[in-house]
Amino acid sequence: MTKILVIDDDDTIRMLLMRALQKQGYEIAVAPNGKEGIEQALSLRPGLIICDWMMPLVDGLEVCRQIKSNPELSTTFFILLTSRGATEDRVTGLDTGADEFLSKPIQINELNARVRAGLRIYQLNQDLRSSNRRLEAELAEAATYVRSLLPPPLASPVRIHSTFIPSRQLGGDCFDYFWLDKEHLAMYLLDVAGHGLGATLPSVSVLNLLRSKSLPNVDFTQPAQVLSALNDGFQMDSHQDKYFTMWYGVYHCQKRQLVYACGGHPPAVLISPTGVELLKTPAMPVGMFPEIEYIQESCHIEPGSTLYLFSDGAYEINQPDGTLWTLEGFADLLASFRQNKASNLDLVLEKLRQISGNGNFEDDLSILEVNFT
């Protein structure tokens, strides 16, 4: 049963409230002052508190402040008992966190009505909290599932490491890499517009389609064909106005040739012993318009080169001075960290957190680091 706590330094008022509420079947606890009232509230976790405004040492307003500032008691319905009737006094009480007022002298019918209403609101808040906890648990389970779909690091003959940091529990970023045959390694990164579950579902659908090679009449070694087929199958008019950007490439190990195509996505950054190159082809995002022609390009990969695929959350970072960081700055950062023997993702992430100022990212952030040994 939900408990009610009565806090009042007047013995008569305290007894009157206790007896009236016990007649209604409520479980009542009482406290003779604000200090003891706060202690009992922390111990009993009552659903409703009736507290006198004017008390020595700790008055009703201070009791209310402390109760409402405690996360475990913030939904407790708080009724201030007062003989004050001025509007400014009620404004003060509401601003402090009080939910309702009960005027002196106390009318029992009014008392019972306000208590019933307060307990209904308290129960609704408890039900909402329970629903939110269930939702958070389900989202956490979904996030764990999505992470389980992402590929593990690849060690040979190409080393690939990755990082995935959704801005919420779930995000619209997704990536994968897998062997099409003994010579062709496919790799891609996509970014669905929006955040949360609505953006996650299309990204997982694309991952499953590509991993199972379920796109009909598509040569998966040809990036332009892959993007065209995805564009046909994921038009935003049929997918809750969701579209996505994507970079898709295929590396031929023996020829050391990378073929790639881009659908509105940031360029990949290729850092070779001879310099830095941005790999991008012009095209609209996937699903935005039908019958878009995607084109592909190719480049030779020198030994010791490193390729970075990433979502725009890696560089569209609001800096403490109010300016937005740039793609050029991110490419320069990657070049400055380039090493041939190990992954640099931890160093990159540490620097990105410093740039953000607070260590957090407002957008989903994904990065693939591909080292061509």
Protein backbone atom coordinates (compact mmCIF):
# COMPACT_ATOMS: atom_id res chain seq x y z
CA MET A 1 0.00 0.00 0.00
CA THR A 2 1.23 3.51 -0.84
CA LYS A 3 2.24 5.39 2.32
CA ILE A 4 1.29 8.97 3.21
CA LEU A 5 3.62 11.06 5.37
CA VAL A 6 2.23 13.93 7.47
CA ILE A 7 4.75 16.54 8.65
CA ASP A 8 3.49 19.16 11.10
CA ASP A 9 4.78 20.63 14.35
CA ASP A 10 1.21 21.10 15.67
CA ASP A 11 0.12 18.00 17.59
CA THR A 12 -3.57 18.71 17.03
CA ILE A 13 -3.24 19.15 13.26
CA ARG A 14 -1.05 16.08 13.04
CA MET A 15 -3.60 13.95 14.91
CA LEU A 16 -6.51 15.34 12.88
CA LEU A 17 -4.86 14.51 9.57
CA MET A 18 -3.75 11.06 10.70
CA ARG A 19 -7.23 10.02 11.92
CA ALA A 20 -9.03 11.43 8.89
CA LEU A 21 -6.75 9.64 6.46
CA GLN A 22 -6.70 6.37 8.39
CA LYS A 23 -10.50 6.32 8.13
CA GLN A 24 -10.04 6.26 4.36
CA GLY A 25 -7.83 3.19 4.66
CA TYR A 26 -4.46 4.84 4.06
CA GLU A 27 -1.23 3.86 5.80
CA ILE A 28 -0.02 6.97 7.63
CA ALA A 29 3.34 8.01 9.07
CA VAL A 30 3.84 11.26 10.98
CA ALA A 31 6.78 13.54 11.78
CA PRO A 32 6.77 16.46 14.26
CA ASN A 33 9.25 18.65 12.37
CA GLY A 34 10.86 19.16 8.97
CA LYS A 35 14.18 17.50 9.81
CA GLU A 36 12.55 14.28 10.97
CA GLY A 37 10.11 14.50 8.07
CA ILE A 38 12.95 14.47 5.56
CA GLU A 39 14.55 11.50 7.31
CA GLN A 40 11.28 9.54 7.27
CA ALA A 41 10.68 10.42 3.63
CA LEU A 42 14.09 9.02 2.67
CA SER A 43 13.35 5.86 4.64
CA LEU A 44 9.69 5.24 3.80
CA ARG A 45 9.53 6.56 0.19
CA PRO A 46 5.92 7.76 0.59
CA GLY A 47 3.72 8.35 -2.41
CA LEU A 48 2.25 11.54 -0.90
CA ILE A 49 3.44 14.07 1.67
CA ILE A 50 1.32 16.63 3.50
CA CYS A 51 3.65 19.21 5.03
CA ASP A 52 3.00 22.36 7.01
CA TRP A 53 4.56 25.47 5.49
CA MET A 54 5.44 27.29 8.73
CA MET A 55 7.66 25.19 11.00
CA PRO A 56 10.74 26.05 13.06
CA LEU A 57 14.26 25.02 11.98
CA VAL A 58 13.27 23.45 8.65
CA ASP A 59 10.13 24.93 7.08
CA GLY A 60 7.87 23.31 4.52
CA LEU A 61 9.54 24.99 1.54
CA GLU A 62 12.94 23.55 2.47
CA VAL A 63 11.41 20.12 3.02
CA CYS A 64 9.85 20.37 -0.43
CA ARG A 65 13.15 21.42 -2.04
CA GLN A 66 15.02 18.48 -0.57
CA ILE A 67 12.30 15.98 -1.41
CA LYS A 68 11.92 17.10 -5.01
CA SER A 69 15.69 17.25 -5.59
CA ASN A 70 16.05 13.59 -4.63
CA PRO A 71 15.65 11.39 -7.76
CA GLU A 72 14.06 8.62 -5.69
CA LEU A 73 11.41 11.00 -4.29
CA SER A 74 10.90 13.42 -7.16
CA THR A 75 7.55 11.87 -8.13
CA THR A 76 6.20 11.98 -4.56
CA PHE A 77 3.09 14.18 -4.57
CA PHE A 78 3.74 17.10 -2.24
CA ILE A 79 0.90 19.06 -0.60
CA LEU A 80 1.76 22.24 1.32
CA LEU A 81 -0.50 22.90 4.29
CA THR A 82 -0.86 26.65 4.81
CA SER A 83 -3.05 29.48 5.98
CA ARG A 84 -1.45 31.73 3.35
CA GLY A 85 -3.82 32.66 0.59
CA ALA A 86 -1.90 35.29 -1.37
CA THR A 87 -1.16 34.52 -5.01
CA GLU A 88 2.54 35.28 -4.62
CA ASP A 89 2.78 32.76 -1.79
CA ARG A 90 1.27 30.03 -3.96
CA VAL A 91 3.62 30.96 -6.80
CA THR A 92 6.54 30.61 -4.40
CA GLY A 93 5.31 27.21 -3.30
CA LEU A 94 4.82 25.97 -6.86
CA ASP A 95 8.24 27.24 -7.91
CA THR A 96 9.76 25.33 -5.01
CA GLY A 97 8.19 22.11 -6.28
CA ALA A 98 4.89 21.79 -4.39
CA ASP A 99 2.18 20.00 -6.37
CA GLU A 100 -0.87 21.20 -4.44
CA PHE A 101 -2.01 23.32 -1.48
CA LEU A 102 -4.36 22.60 1.39
CA SER A 103 -5.74 25.60 3.24
CA LYS A 104 -6.27 26.00 6.97
CA PRO A 105 -8.69 25.50 8.61
CA ILE A 106 -8.76 22.01 7.10
CA GLN A 107 -11.95 20.80 5.42
CA ILE A 108 -12.00 16.99 5.58
CA ASN A 109 -13.85 16.57 2.27
CA GLU A 110 -11.32 18.81 0.55
CA LEU A 111 -8.47 16.90 2.20
CA ASN A 112 -9.77 13.55 0.99
CA ALA A 113 -10.34 14.84 -2.55
CA ARG A 114 -6.84 16.33 -2.86
CA VAL A 115 -5.25 13.18 -1.46
CA ARG A 116 -7.16 10.96 -3.91
CA ALA A 117 -6.13 13.18 -6.81
CA GLY A 118 -2.52 13.32 -5.63
CA LEU A 119 -2.23 9.54 -5.29
CA ARG A 120 -3.70 9.06 -8.77
CA ILE A 121 -1.03 11.35 -10.19
CA TYR A 122 1.67 9.58 -8.18
CA GLN A 123 0.55 6.20 -9.51
CA LEU A 124 0.52 7.49 -13.06
CA ASN A 125 4.08 8.73 -12.60
CA GLN A 126 5.11 5.36 -11.20
CA ASP A 127 3.53 3.56 -14.15
CA LEU A 128 5.32 5.92 -16.53
CA ARG A 129 8.64 5.26 -14.79
CA SER A 130 8.08 1.53 -15.07
CA SER A 131 7.26 1.87 -18.76
CA ASN A 132 10.38 3.96 -19.31
CA ARG A 133 12.52 1.39 -17.53
CA ARG A 134 11.09 -1.38 -19.69
CA LEU A 135 11.68 0.71 -22.80
CA GLU A 136 15.26 1.47 -21.77
CA ALA A 137 15.88 -2.22 -21.16
CA GLU A 138 14.46 -3.11 -24.57
CA LEU A 139 16.52 -0.42 -26.28
CA ALA A 140 19.63 -1.66 -24.49
CA GLU A 141 18.87 -5.18 -25.69
CA ALA A 142 18.37 -3.90 -29.24
CA ALA A 143 21.65 -1.95 -29.05
CA THR A 144 23.45 -5.10 -27.91
CA TYR A 145 21.96 -6.97 -30.85
CA VAL A 146 23.06 -4.30 -33.33
CA ARG A 147 26.58 -4.32 -31.94
CA SER A 148 26.65 -8.11 -32.26
CA LEU A 149 26.02 -7.72 -36.00
CA LEU A 150 29.07 -5.54 -36.54
CA PRO A 151 32.14 -7.40 -37.80
CA PRO A 152 35.10 -8.28 -35.57
CA PRO A 153 38.55 -6.86 -36.33
CA LEU A 154 40.30 -8.32 -39.36
CA ALA A 155 43.97 -9.24 -39.00
CA SER A 156 45.18 -10.49 -42.38
CA PRO A 157 45.95 -9.85 -45.17
CA VAL A 158 44.33 -6.45 -44.51
CA ARG A 159 44.05 -5.14 -40.94
CA ILE A 160 40.73 -3.52 -40.11
CA HIS A 161 39.68 -1.93 -36.82
CA SER A 162 36.50 0.01 -36.14
CA THR A 163 34.65 2.15 -33.65
CA PHE A 164 30.91 2.72 -33.30
CA ILE A 165 29.47 5.36 -30.94
CA PRO A 166 25.73 6.07 -31.41
CA SER A 167 24.52 9.42 -30.10
CA ARG A 168 21.74 7.49 -28.37
CA GLN A 169 21.49 3.80 -27.50
CA LEU A 170 20.61 3.19 -31.13
CA GLY A 171 21.78 5.08 -34.19
CA GLY A 172 21.66 5.14 -37.96
CA ASP A 173 25.31 4.31 -38.64
CA CYS A 174 26.26 0.86 -39.85
CA PHE A 175 29.29 -0.74 -41.48
CA ASP A 176 30.63 -4.08 -42.57
CA TYR A 177 33.47 -5.78 -44.39
CA PHE A 178 33.49 -9.30 -45.81
CA TRP A 179 35.17 -11.42 -48.45
CA LEU A 180 33.32 -11.80 -51.74
CA ASP A 181 35.86 -14.42 -52.81
CA LYS A 182 39.54 -15.15 -52.14
CA GLU A 183 40.69 -11.92 -53.78
CA HIS A 184 37.88 -9.37 -53.29
CA LEU A 185 37.25 -7.71 -49.93
CA ALA A 186 34.09 -5.58 -49.76
CA MET A 187 33.81 -2.75 -47.24
CA TYR A 188 31.23 -0.07 -46.66
CA LEU A 189 29.86 2.45 -44.19
CA LEU A 190 26.38 3.97 -44.30
CA ASP A 191 24.56 6.64 -42.33
CA VAL A 192 20.75 6.67 -42.21
CA ALA A 193 19.12 10.08 -41.76
CA GLY A 194 17.94 10.59 -38.18
CA HIS A 195 18.67 8.86 -34.89
CA GLY A 196 17.24 6.15 -32.68
CA LEU A 197 15.29 3.04 -33.60
CA GLY A 198 13.76 4.55 -36.75
CA ALA A 199 17.24 5.01 -38.22
CA THR A 200 18.59 1.68 -36.96
CA LEU A 201 16.05 -0.54 -38.71
CA PRO A 202 16.97 0.48 -42.30
CA SER A 203 20.69 0.22 -41.55
CA VAL A 204 20.28 -3.33 -40.21
CA SER A 205 18.17 -4.23 -43.25
CA VAL A 206 20.93 -3.06 -45.58
CA LEU A 207 23.57 -4.94 -43.59
CA ASN A 208 21.62 -8.19 -43.83
CA LEU A 209 20.97 -7.72 -47.55
CA LEU A 210 24.61 -7.13 -48.35
CA ARG A 211 26.00 -9.76 -46.02
CA SER A 212 23.69 -12.40 -47.52
CA LYS A 213 24.25 -11.04 -51.05
CA SER A 214 20.48 -10.97 -51.52
CA LEU A 215 20.32 -8.14 -54.06
CA PRO A 216 19.23 -9.80 -57.33
CA ASN A 217 21.26 -9.45 -60.52
CA VAL A 218 24.04 -7.50 -58.79
CA ASP A 219 27.78 -8.03 -59.13
CA PHE A 220 28.96 -7.16 -55.61
CA THR A 221 32.46 -6.41 -56.88
CA GLN A 222 30.96 -3.44 -58.74
CA PRO A 223 30.11 -0.65 -56.22
CA ALA A 224 27.96 1.34 -58.67
CA GLN A 225 25.69 -1.67 -59.19
CA VAL A 226 25.33 -2.16 -55.44
CA LEU A 227 24.34 1.47 -54.79
CA SER A 228 21.91 1.48 -57.73
CA ALA A 229 20.18 -1.67 -56.47
CA LEU A 230 19.94 -0.27 -52.93
CA ASN A 231 18.54 2.98 -54.30
CA ASP A 232 15.84 1.05 -56.15
CA GLY A 233 14.92 -0.95 -53.06
CA PHE A 234 15.03 1.77 -50.41
CA GLN A 235 13.17 4.73 -51.87
CA MET A 236 12.28 7.05 -49.00
CA ASP A 237 8.62 7.27 -50.07
CA SER A 238 8.26 3.63 -49.03
CA HIS A 239 10.50 3.74 -45.96
CA GLN A 240 9.09 6.46 -43.67
CA ASP A 241 11.04 9.19 -45.49
CA LYS A 242 14.34 7.57 -44.50
CA TYR A 243 17.29 7.81 -46.87
CA PHE A 244 20.97 7.12 -46.26
CA THR A 245 24.42 8.06 -47.42
CA MET A 246 26.90 5.32 -48.21
CA TRP A 247 30.48 4.66 -49.24
CA TYR A 248 31.06 1.20 -50.73
CA GLY A 249 34.38 -0.15 -51.94
CA VAL A 250 35.95 -3.44 -53.07
CA TYR A 251 39.66 -4.16 -52.68
CA HIS A 252 41.40 -6.64 -55.00
CA CYS A 253 44.29 -7.98 -52.94
CA GLN A 254 46.47 -9.33 -55.74
CA LYS A 255 46.11 -6.26 -57.97
CA ARG A 256 46.14 -3.88 -54.95
CA GLN A 257 43.28 -2.04 -56.59
CA LEU A 258 40.39 -0.35 -54.77
CA VAL A 259 37.13 0.26 -56.66
CA TYR A 260 34.64 2.50 -54.90
CA ALA A 261 31.40 4.47 -55.26
CA CYS A 262 29.75 7.05 -53.06
CA GLY A 263 26.12 7.99 -52.48
CA GLY A 264 26.12 11.41 -50.83
CA HIS A 265 28.57 10.19 -48.19
CA PRO A 266 31.72 11.91 -46.91
CA PRO A 267 34.82 10.86 -48.86
CA ALA A 268 37.05 8.13 -47.57
CA VAL A 269 40.51 9.35 -46.59
CA LEU A 270 43.39 7.39 -48.09
CA ILE A 271 46.74 8.09 -46.47
CA SER A 272 49.64 6.64 -48.43
CA PRO A 273 53.41 7.05 -48.14
CA THR A 274 53.17 9.71 -50.85
CA GLY A 275 50.29 11.81 -49.49
CA VAL A 276 46.60 12.16 -48.57
CA GLU A 277 43.75 11.58 -51.03
CA LEU A 278 40.00 11.99 -50.61
CA LEU A 279 38.08 9.19 -52.36
CA LYS A 280 34.61 10.23 -53.45
CA THR A 281 32.29 10.02 -56.44
CA PRO A 282 29.44 12.50 -57.01
CA ALA A 283 25.91 11.23 -56.41
CA MET A 284 22.81 11.84 -54.30
CA PRO A 285 22.09 9.85 -51.12
CA VAL A 286 20.57 6.40 -51.52
CA GLY A 287 16.78 6.40 -51.53
CA MET A 288 16.33 10.14 -52.05
CA PHE A 289 15.43 10.03 -55.75
CA PRO A 290 14.69 7.16 -58.14
CA GLU A 291 16.81 6.26 -61.16
CA ILE A 292 19.99 7.94 -59.96
CA GLU A 293 23.08 6.95 -61.91
CA TYR A 294 25.93 5.99 -59.62
CA ILE A 295 29.47 5.93 -60.93
CA GLN A 296 32.58 4.25 -59.60
CA GLU A 297 36.26 5.07 -59.58
CA SER A 298 39.38 3.08 -58.82
CA CYS A 299 42.82 3.70 -57.39
CA HIS A 300 46.01 1.80 -56.73
CA ILE A 301 46.82 1.09 -53.08
CA GLU A 302 50.47 1.44 -52.17
CA PRO A 303 51.90 -0.84 -49.47
CA GLY A 304 51.73 0.79 -46.05
CA SER A 305 48.62 2.84 -46.92
CA THR A 306 45.72 3.38 -44.52
CA LEU A 307 42.11 3.99 -45.52
CA TYR A 308 39.53 5.61 -43.24
CA LEU A 309 35.77 5.32 -43.77
CA PHE A 310 33.60 7.39 -41.44
CA SER A 311 30.26 9.06 -40.88
CA ASP A 312 29.91 12.85 -40.76
CA GLY A 313 29.67 12.65 -36.96
CA ALA A 314 33.45 12.24 -36.97
CA TYR A 315 34.04 15.83 -38.06
CA GLU A 316 30.75 17.77 -37.74
CA ILE A 317 31.58 18.54 -34.12
CA ASN A 318 30.52 21.72 -32.34
CA GLN A 319 33.62 23.15 -30.72
CA PRO A 320 33.59 25.12 -27.44
CA ASP A 321 34.04 28.41 -29.34
CA GLY A 322 30.80 27.77 -31.24
CA THR A 323 32.40 26.88 -34.58
CA LEU A 324 31.89 23.62 -36.44
CA TRP A 325 34.95 21.47 -37.04
CA THR A 326 35.69 20.56 -40.65
CA LEU A 327 36.39 17.58 -42.86
CA GLU A 328 39.75 19.10 -43.75
CA GLY A 329 40.65 19.27 -40.07
CA PHE A 330 39.67 15.65 -39.59
CA ALA A 331 41.73 14.52 -42.60
CA ASP A 332 44.74 16.42 -41.26
CA LEU A 333 44.25 14.76 -37.89
CA LEU A 334 44.19 11.29 -39.48
CA ALA A 335 47.35 12.06 -41.44
CA SER A 336 49.14 13.24 -38.32
CA PHE A 337 48.37 9.98 -36.52
CA ARG A 338 49.27 7.64 -39.36
CA GLN A 339 51.43 4.72 -38.32
CA ASN A 340 52.00 1.44 -40.10
CA LYS A 341 52.24 -0.97 -37.20
CA ALA A 342 49.11 -0.45 -35.12
CA SER A 343 45.60 0.97 -35.02
CA ASN A 344 45.36 4.66 -34.23
CA LEU A 345 41.63 4.74 -33.47
CA ASP A 346 42.08 5.22 -29.73
CA LEU A 347 44.27 8.27 -30.36
CA VAL A 348 41.81 9.63 -32.91
CA LEU A 349 38.84 9.23 -30.54
CA GLU A 350 40.72 10.85 -27.68
CA LYS A 351 41.45 13.86 -29.87
CA LEU A 352 37.84 14.08 -31.10
CA ARG A 353 36.60 14.13 -27.51
CA GLN A 354 39.00 16.97 -26.76
CA ILE A 355 37.74 18.90 -29.77
CA SER A 356 34.11 18.52 -28.66
CA GLY A 357 35.00 20.15 -25.35
CA ASN A 358 32.73 17.92 -23.23
CA GLY A 359 33.79 14.49 -24.47
CA ASN A 360 30.37 13.79 -25.99
CA PHE A 361 29.19 13.55 -29.59
CA GLU A 362 25.88 15.00 -30.75
CA ASP A 363 25.70 12.73 -33.82
CA ASP A 364 26.34 9.06 -34.42
CA LEU A 365 30.03 8.40 -34.99
CA SER A 366 31.54 5.44 -36.84
CA ILE A 367 35.06 4.98 -38.18
CA LEU A 368 36.70 2.12 -40.08
CA GLU A 369 40.49 2.02 -40.19
CA VAL A 370 41.87 -0.20 -42.97
CA ASN A 371 45.60 -0.85 -42.97
CA PHE A 372 46.98 -2.28 -46.22
CA THR A 373 50.09 -4.23 -45.20
